Amino acid sequence: MIDDYDYKNIVDWSEFRSFGALWSYMSPDMIPSLKFSGQQFPFQTRKEIFFYFVKRLLNEGRVKLAKKGHMLIGTIDEQLKIFHDAFPNNEDGMYDPKHMMEDYWFYDDSCPAGAVWVHNDGTLEWT
């Protein structure tokens, strides 16, 4: 279970940045409360943790999902399903050798949404 201290730290470091930043923090040394022994999480575990953060941020109203200037429609669960169903099944699906980026999928057209952060005053920060 991810404790509130680790959750807050990751969110503080990721806030107002793209989902690529949040994805980069999904590692055992960044989330010690999970007590994982190893240098990195297996891809599916990392994906589950990432979606835990995204769902919690959506439920807290801190983030919205959008693509090309348009918010995703539907309930949070429906939006998450769209995002989850499109998410790559392995590390190779995240990587683009042409751009040499391990998190390139977040910037690719096949990614259905990016993060839109909600400031305390309600203004939106598009990533």
N, C-alpha and C. Protein backbone atom coordinates (compact mmCIF):
# COMPACT_ATOMS: atom_id res chain seq x y z
N MET A 1 0.84 -1.18 0.00
CA MET A 1 0.00 0.00 0.00
C MET A 1 0.89 1.25 0.00
N ILE A 2 0.56 2.18 -0.85
CA ILE A 2 1.31 3.43 -0.93
C ILE A 2 0.83 4.33 0.20
N ASP A 3 1.77 4.77 1.03
CA ASP A 3 1.36 5.64 2.13
C ASP A 3 1.19 7.08 1.64
N ASP A 4 0.54 7.89 2.47
CA ASP A 4 0.23 9.27 2.09
C ASP A 4 1.49 10.11 1.88
N TYR A 5 2.55 9.81 2.63
CA TYR A 5 3.80 10.56 2.49
C TYR A 5 4.38 10.35 1.08
N ASP A 6 4.47 9.10 0.65
CA ASP A 6 4.99 8.81 -0.69
C ASP A 6 4.07 9.39 -1.77
N TYR A 7 2.77 9.25 -1.58
CA TYR A 7 1.82 9.79 -2.54
C TYR A 7 2.02 11.30 -2.70
N LYS A 8 2.08 12.00 -1.58
CA LYS A 8 2.24 13.45 -1.61
C LYS A 8 3.55 13.85 -2.29
N ASN A 9 4.63 13.16 -1.97
CA ASN A 9 5.92 13.49 -2.59
C ASN A 9 5.87 13.33 -4.11
N ILE A 10 5.35 12.22 -4.57
CA ILE A 10 5.28 11.97 -6.01
C ILE A 10 4.40 13.02 -6.69
N VAL A 11 3.27 13.33 -6.09
CA VAL A 11 2.38 14.33 -6.68
C VAL A 11 3.06 15.70 -6.68
N ASP A 12 3.72 16.07 -5.60
CA ASP A 12 4.43 17.35 -5.56
C ASP A 12 5.48 17.45 -6.66
N TRP A 13 6.20 16.37 -6.90
CA TRP A 13 7.24 16.38 -7.93
C TRP A 13 6.66 16.35 -9.34
N SER A 14 5.48 15.79 -9.49
CA SER A 14 4.86 15.62 -10.81
C SER A 14 3.92 16.76 -11.18
N GLU A 15 3.46 17.49 -10.20
CA GLU A 15 2.40 18.47 -10.41
C GLU A 15 2.75 19.47 -11.51
N PHE A 16 1.79 19.70 -12.38
CA PHE A 16 1.86 20.63 -13.50
C PHE A 16 2.82 20.17 -14.60
N ARG A 17 3.18 18.90 -14.57
CA ARG A 17 4.02 18.31 -15.60
C ARG A 17 3.22 17.24 -16.33
N SER A 18 3.74 16.77 -17.43
CA SER A 18 3.05 15.75 -18.22
C SER A 18 3.03 14.41 -17.48
N PHE A 19 2.23 13.50 -17.98
CA PHE A 19 2.19 12.16 -17.39
C PHE A 19 3.53 11.45 -17.53
N GLY A 20 4.36 11.88 -18.45
CA GLY A 20 5.70 11.31 -18.56
C GLY A 20 6.49 11.50 -17.27
N ALA A 21 6.31 12.63 -16.62
CA ALA A 21 6.99 12.89 -15.34
C ALA A 21 6.45 11.95 -14.27
N LEU A 22 5.14 11.83 -14.19
CA LEU A 22 4.55 10.92 -13.20
C LEU A 22 5.04 9.50 -13.44
N TRP A 23 5.06 9.08 -14.69
CA TRP A 23 5.53 7.73 -15.04
C TRP A 23 6.97 7.53 -14.59
N SER A 24 7.80 8.54 -14.74
CA SER A 24 9.23 8.41 -14.38
C SER A 24 9.43 8.21 -12.88
N TYR A 25 8.48 8.63 -12.07
CA TYR A 25 8.59 8.46 -10.62
C TYR A 25 8.05 7.12 -10.13
N MET A 26 7.58 6.29 -11.02
CA MET A 26 7.05 4.98 -10.63
C MET A 26 8.22 3.99 -10.48
N SER A 27 8.98 4.15 -9.41
CA SER A 27 10.13 3.28 -9.17
C SER A 27 10.23 2.99 -7.67
N PRO A 28 10.83 1.85 -7.31
CA PRO A 28 10.90 1.45 -5.90
C PRO A 28 11.56 2.48 -4.99
N ASP A 29 12.59 3.16 -5.48
CA ASP A 29 13.26 4.13 -4.61
C ASP A 29 12.42 5.37 -4.38
N MET A 30 11.44 5.63 -5.23
CA MET A 30 10.56 6.79 -5.07
C MET A 30 9.33 6.46 -4.24
N ILE A 31 9.03 5.17 -4.09
CA ILE A 31 7.84 4.75 -3.34
C ILE A 31 8.26 3.68 -2.33
N PRO A 32 9.06 4.05 -1.32
CA PRO A 32 9.56 3.05 -0.38
C PRO A 32 8.47 2.36 0.43
N SER A 33 7.32 2.97 0.57
CA SER A 33 6.25 2.34 1.36
C SER A 33 5.78 1.02 0.74
N LEU A 34 6.08 0.78 -0.53
CA LEU A 34 5.70 -0.49 -1.16
C LEU A 34 6.65 -1.62 -0.80
N LYS A 35 7.80 -1.26 -0.20
CA LYS A 35 8.78 -2.27 0.26
C LYS A 35 9.11 -3.29 -0.83
N PHE A 36 9.41 -2.80 -2.01
CA PHE A 36 9.76 -3.65 -3.14
C PHE A 36 11.27 -3.80 -3.19
N SER A 37 11.75 -5.02 -3.29
CA SER A 37 13.19 -5.23 -3.38
C SER A 37 13.55 -5.43 -4.85
N GLY A 38 14.27 -4.50 -5.37
CA GLY A 38 14.67 -4.54 -6.77
C GLY A 38 14.90 -3.13 -7.27
N GLN A 39 15.54 -3.04 -8.41
CA GLN A 39 15.88 -1.74 -8.98
C GLN A 39 14.68 -1.07 -9.66
N GLN A 40 13.82 -1.88 -10.26
CA GLN A 40 12.64 -1.30 -10.90
C GLN A 40 11.48 -2.29 -10.84
N PHE A 41 10.28 -1.72 -10.90
CA PHE A 41 9.08 -2.54 -10.89
C PHE A 41 8.94 -3.25 -12.24
N PRO A 42 8.37 -4.46 -12.24
CA PRO A 42 7.98 -5.05 -13.53
C PRO A 42 6.98 -4.10 -14.20
N PHE A 43 6.93 -4.12 -15.52
CA PHE A 43 6.12 -3.17 -16.26
C PHE A 43 4.67 -3.15 -15.78
N GLN A 44 4.03 -4.31 -15.63
CA GLN A 44 2.62 -4.34 -15.24
C GLN A 44 2.40 -3.76 -13.84
N THR A 45 3.34 -3.97 -12.94
CA THR A 45 3.25 -3.38 -11.59
C THR A 45 3.37 -1.87 -11.68
N ARG A 46 4.33 -1.42 -12.46
CA ARG A 46 4.53 0.03 -12.65
C ARG A 46 3.27 0.66 -13.24
N LYS A 47 2.67 -0.02 -14.19
CA LYS A 47 1.44 0.47 -14.83
C LYS A 47 0.30 0.56 -13.80
N GLU A 48 0.15 -0.46 -12.96
CA GLU A 48 -0.89 -0.45 -11.92
C GLU A 48 -0.68 0.71 -10.95
N ILE A 49 0.55 0.94 -10.56
CA ILE A 49 0.85 2.04 -9.64
C ILE A 49 0.56 3.37 -10.30
N PHE A 50 0.95 3.52 -11.56
CA PHE A 50 0.67 4.74 -12.31
C PHE A 50 -0.83 5.02 -12.33
N PHE A 51 -1.62 4.00 -12.63
CA PHE A 51 -3.07 4.19 -12.68
C PHE A 51 -3.68 4.44 -11.30
N TYR A 52 -3.06 3.92 -10.26
CA TYR A 52 -3.49 4.26 -8.90
C TYR A 52 -3.37 5.77 -8.71
N PHE A 53 -2.23 6.33 -9.10
CA PHE A 53 -2.01 7.77 -8.96
C PHE A 53 -2.98 8.57 -9.82
N VAL A 54 -3.13 8.18 -11.08
CA VAL A 54 -4.02 8.92 -11.97
C VAL A 54 -5.45 8.89 -11.44
N LYS A 55 -5.92 7.72 -11.02
CA LYS A 55 -7.30 7.62 -10.50
C LYS A 55 -7.48 8.48 -9.25
N ARG A 56 -6.51 8.43 -8.36
CA ARG A 56 -6.63 9.23 -7.14
C ARG A 56 -6.61 10.72 -7.45
N LEU A 57 -5.75 11.14 -8.37
CA LEU A 57 -5.70 12.55 -8.77
C LEU A 57 -7.01 12.99 -9.41
N LEU A 58 -7.60 12.13 -10.23
CA LEU A 58 -8.89 12.45 -10.84
C LEU A 58 -9.98 12.56 -9.77
N ASN A 59 -10.01 11.61 -8.86
CA ASN A 59 -11.03 11.62 -7.80
C ASN A 59 -10.88 12.83 -6.88
N GLU A 60 -9.66 13.28 -6.68
CA GLU A 60 -9.41 14.46 -5.84
C GLU A 60 -9.67 15.76 -6.59
N GLY A 61 -9.92 15.68 -7.89
CA GLY A 61 -10.16 16.88 -8.69
C GLY A 61 -8.90 17.66 -9.01
N ARG A 62 -7.77 17.04 -8.87
CA ARG A 62 -6.49 17.73 -9.13
C ARG A 62 -6.05 17.63 -10.57
N VAL A 63 -6.61 16.67 -11.30
CA VAL A 63 -6.23 16.43 -12.69
C VAL A 63 -7.47 16.11 -13.49
N LYS A 64 -7.44 16.50 -14.76
CA LYS A 64 -8.45 16.10 -15.73
C LYS A 64 -7.70 15.46 -16.90
N LEU A 65 -8.41 14.67 -17.69
CA LEU A 65 -7.81 14.04 -18.86
C LEU A 65 -8.30 14.74 -20.12
N ALA A 66 -7.36 15.05 -21.01
CA ALA A 66 -7.72 15.76 -22.24
C ALA A 66 -6.75 15.40 -23.35
N LYS A 67 -7.19 15.66 -24.58
CA LYS A 67 -6.35 15.45 -25.75
C LYS A 67 -6.69 16.52 -26.78
N LYS A 68 -5.67 17.18 -27.29
CA LYS A 68 -5.82 18.18 -28.35
C LYS A 68 -6.88 19.22 -28.02
N GLY A 69 -6.85 19.72 -26.79
CA GLY A 69 -7.74 20.79 -26.38
C GLY A 69 -9.13 20.38 -25.96
N HIS A 70 -9.40 19.09 -25.91
CA HIS A 70 -10.74 18.61 -25.55
C HIS A 70 -10.66 17.65 -24.37
N MET A 71 -11.48 17.91 -23.36
CA MET A 71 -11.55 17.02 -22.20
C MET A 71 -12.21 15.70 -22.59
N LEU A 72 -11.72 14.62 -22.01
CA LEU A 72 -12.40 13.34 -22.18
C LEU A 72 -13.75 13.42 -21.49
N ILE A 73 -14.73 12.75 -22.06
CA ILE A 73 -16.07 12.78 -21.48
C ILE A 73 -16.34 11.44 -20.80
N GLY A 74 -17.35 11.44 -19.96
CA GLY A 74 -17.73 10.23 -19.24
C GLY A 74 -17.32 10.31 -17.79
N THR A 75 -17.67 9.26 -17.06
CA THR A 75 -17.29 9.18 -15.65
C THR A 75 -15.78 8.98 -15.55
N ILE A 76 -15.26 9.15 -14.35
CA ILE A 76 -13.84 8.91 -14.13
C ILE A 76 -13.48 7.48 -14.53
N ASP A 77 -14.30 6.52 -14.15
CA ASP A 77 -14.02 5.12 -14.50
C ASP A 77 -14.04 4.90 -16.01
N GLU A 78 -14.97 5.55 -16.70
CA GLU A 78 -15.03 5.42 -18.17
C GLU A 78 -13.80 6.05 -18.82
N GLN A 79 -13.38 7.20 -18.32
CA GLN A 79 -12.19 7.85 -18.86
C GLN A 79 -10.94 7.00 -18.60
N LEU A 80 -10.84 6.47 -17.39
CA LEU A 80 -9.70 5.61 -17.05
C LEU A 80 -9.67 4.36 -17.92
N LYS A 81 -10.82 3.81 -18.23
CA LYS A 81 -10.88 2.62 -19.09
C LYS A 81 -10.33 2.93 -20.47
N ILE A 82 -10.71 4.07 -21.03
CA ILE A 82 -10.19 4.48 -22.34
C ILE A 82 -8.66 4.59 -22.28
N PHE A 83 -8.17 5.25 -21.25
CA PHE A 83 -6.73 5.46 -21.08
C PHE A 83 -6.02 4.12 -20.85
N HIS A 84 -6.58 3.31 -19.97
CA HIS A 84 -5.97 2.02 -19.63
C HIS A 84 -5.96 1.07 -20.84
N ASP A 85 -7.07 1.02 -21.58
CA ASP A 85 -7.16 0.12 -22.73
C ASP A 85 -6.15 0.48 -23.82
N ALA A 86 -5.83 1.75 -23.95
CA ALA A 86 -4.88 2.19 -24.97
C ALA A 86 -3.43 2.08 -24.51
N PHE A 87 -3.22 1.96 -23.21
CA PHE A 87 -1.87 1.95 -22.64
C PHE A 87 -1.09 0.74 -23.15
N PRO A 88 0.19 0.93 -23.48
CA PRO A 88 1.00 -0.20 -23.96
C PRO A 88 1.04 -1.35 -22.96
N ASN A 89 1.27 -2.55 -23.48
CA ASN A 89 1.33 -3.75 -22.65
C ASN A 89 2.73 -4.08 -22.17
N ASN A 90 3.73 -3.34 -22.68
CA ASN A 90 5.11 -3.60 -22.27
C ASN A 90 5.96 -2.35 -22.50
N GLU A 91 7.19 -2.40 -22.02
CA GLU A 91 8.11 -1.26 -22.14
C GLU A 91 8.34 -0.87 -23.60
N ASP A 92 8.39 -1.86 -24.49
CA ASP A 92 8.64 -1.55 -25.90
C ASP A 92 7.57 -0.63 -26.47
N GLY A 93 6.35 -0.76 -26.00
CA GLY A 93 5.27 0.09 -26.46
C GLY A 93 5.38 1.53 -25.99
N MET A 94 6.17 1.75 -24.96
CA MET A 94 6.38 3.11 -24.43
C MET A 94 7.49 3.84 -25.18
N TYR A 95 8.41 3.07 -25.73
CA TYR A 95 9.65 3.61 -26.27
C TYR A 95 9.54 3.91 -27.76
N ASP A 96 10.18 5.00 -28.17
CA ASP A 96 10.27 5.32 -29.58
C ASP A 96 11.74 5.51 -29.93
N PRO A 97 12.32 4.57 -30.69
CA PRO A 97 13.74 4.68 -31.01
C PRO A 97 14.08 5.91 -31.84
N LYS A 98 13.14 6.36 -32.66
CA LYS A 98 13.38 7.55 -33.48
C LYS A 98 13.63 8.78 -32.60
N HIS A 99 12.83 8.90 -31.54
CA HIS A 99 12.96 10.05 -30.64
C HIS A 99 13.82 9.74 -29.42
N MET A 100 14.20 8.46 -29.28
CA MET A 100 15.03 8.00 -28.17
C MET A 100 14.45 8.41 -26.81
N MET A 101 13.15 8.18 -26.67
CA MET A 101 12.46 8.53 -25.43
C MET A 101 11.76 7.29 -24.89
N GLU A 102 12.01 6.98 -23.61
CA GLU A 102 11.37 5.80 -23.03
C GLU A 102 9.91 6.02 -22.66
N ASP A 103 9.48 7.28 -22.59
CA ASP A 103 8.08 7.57 -22.26
C ASP A 103 7.36 8.23 -23.43
N TYR A 104 7.83 7.97 -24.65
CA TYR A 104 7.31 8.67 -25.82
C TYR A 104 5.81 8.46 -26.02
N TRP A 105 5.29 7.32 -25.61
CA TRP A 105 3.88 7.03 -25.84
C TRP A 105 2.97 8.15 -25.33
N PHE A 106 3.34 8.79 -24.24
CA PHE A 106 2.50 9.86 -23.68
C PHE A 106 2.36 11.04 -24.65
N TYR A 107 3.28 11.16 -25.60
CA TYR A 107 3.28 12.26 -26.56
C TYR A 107 2.79 11.82 -27.94
N ASP A 108 2.54 10.55 -28.09
CA ASP A 108 2.13 9.98 -29.37
C ASP A 108 0.62 10.13 -29.55
N ASP A 109 0.18 10.14 -30.81
CA ASP A 109 -1.25 10.25 -31.09
C ASP A 109 -2.05 9.07 -30.55
N SER A 110 -1.40 7.93 -30.35
CA SER A 110 -2.13 6.76 -29.83
C SER A 110 -2.48 6.89 -28.34
N CYS A 111 -1.86 7.83 -27.66
CA CYS A 111 -2.21 8.10 -26.26
C CYS A 111 -3.49 8.93 -26.25
N PRO A 112 -4.55 8.45 -25.61
CA PRO A 112 -5.84 9.13 -25.69
C PRO A 112 -5.97 10.38 -24.83
N ALA A 113 -5.01 10.61 -23.93
CA ALA A 113 -5.18 11.77 -23.04
C ALA A 113 -3.87 12.16 -22.38
N GLY A 114 -3.79 13.43 -22.08
CA GLY A 114 -2.70 13.95 -21.28
C GLY A 114 -3.28 14.55 -20.00
N ALA A 115 -2.38 15.01 -19.16
CA ALA A 115 -2.80 15.60 -17.88
C ALA A 115 -3.14 17.07 -18.05
N VAL A 116 -4.25 17.46 -17.48
CA VAL A 116 -4.60 18.87 -17.31
C VAL A 116 -4.73 19.06 -15.80
N TRP A 117 -3.78 19.79 -15.24
CA TRP A 117 -3.76 19.99 -13.79
C TRP A 117 -4.69 21.13 -13.42
N VAL A 118 -5.34 21.00 -12.29
CA VAL A 118 -6.28 22.00 -11.80
C VAL A 118 -5.63 22.75 -10.64
N HIS A 119 -5.41 24.05 -10.84
CA HIS A 119 -4.86 24.89 -9.77
C HIS A 119 -5.91 25.06 -8.66
N ASN A 120 -5.46 25.49 -7.50
CA ASN A 120 -6.37 25.71 -6.37
C ASN A 120 -7.49 26.69 -6.70
N ASP A 121 -7.20 27.67 -7.59
CA ASP A 121 -8.22 28.65 -7.95
C ASP A 121 -9.11 28.17 -9.10
N GLY A 122 -8.89 26.94 -9.55
CA GLY A 122 -9.72 26.35 -10.60
C GLY A 122 -9.18 26.52 -12.01
N THR A 123 -8.14 27.34 -12.18
CA THR A 123 -7.57 27.48 -13.51
C THR A 123 -6.86 26.18 -13.91
N LEU A 124 -6.75 25.98 -15.20
CA LEU A 124 -6.22 24.73 -15.73
C LEU A 124 -4.81 24.92 -16.28
N GLU A 125 -3.98 23.94 -16.04
CA GLU A 125 -2.60 23.90 -16.55
C GLU A 125 -2.51 22.72 -17.51
N TRP A 126 -2.53 23.02 -18.81
CA TRP A 126 -2.48 21.97 -19.83
C TRP A 126 -1.04 21.53 -20.04
N THR A 127 -0.84 20.22 -20.19
CA THR A 127 0.51 19.71 -20.41
C THR A 127 0.63 19.13 -21.81
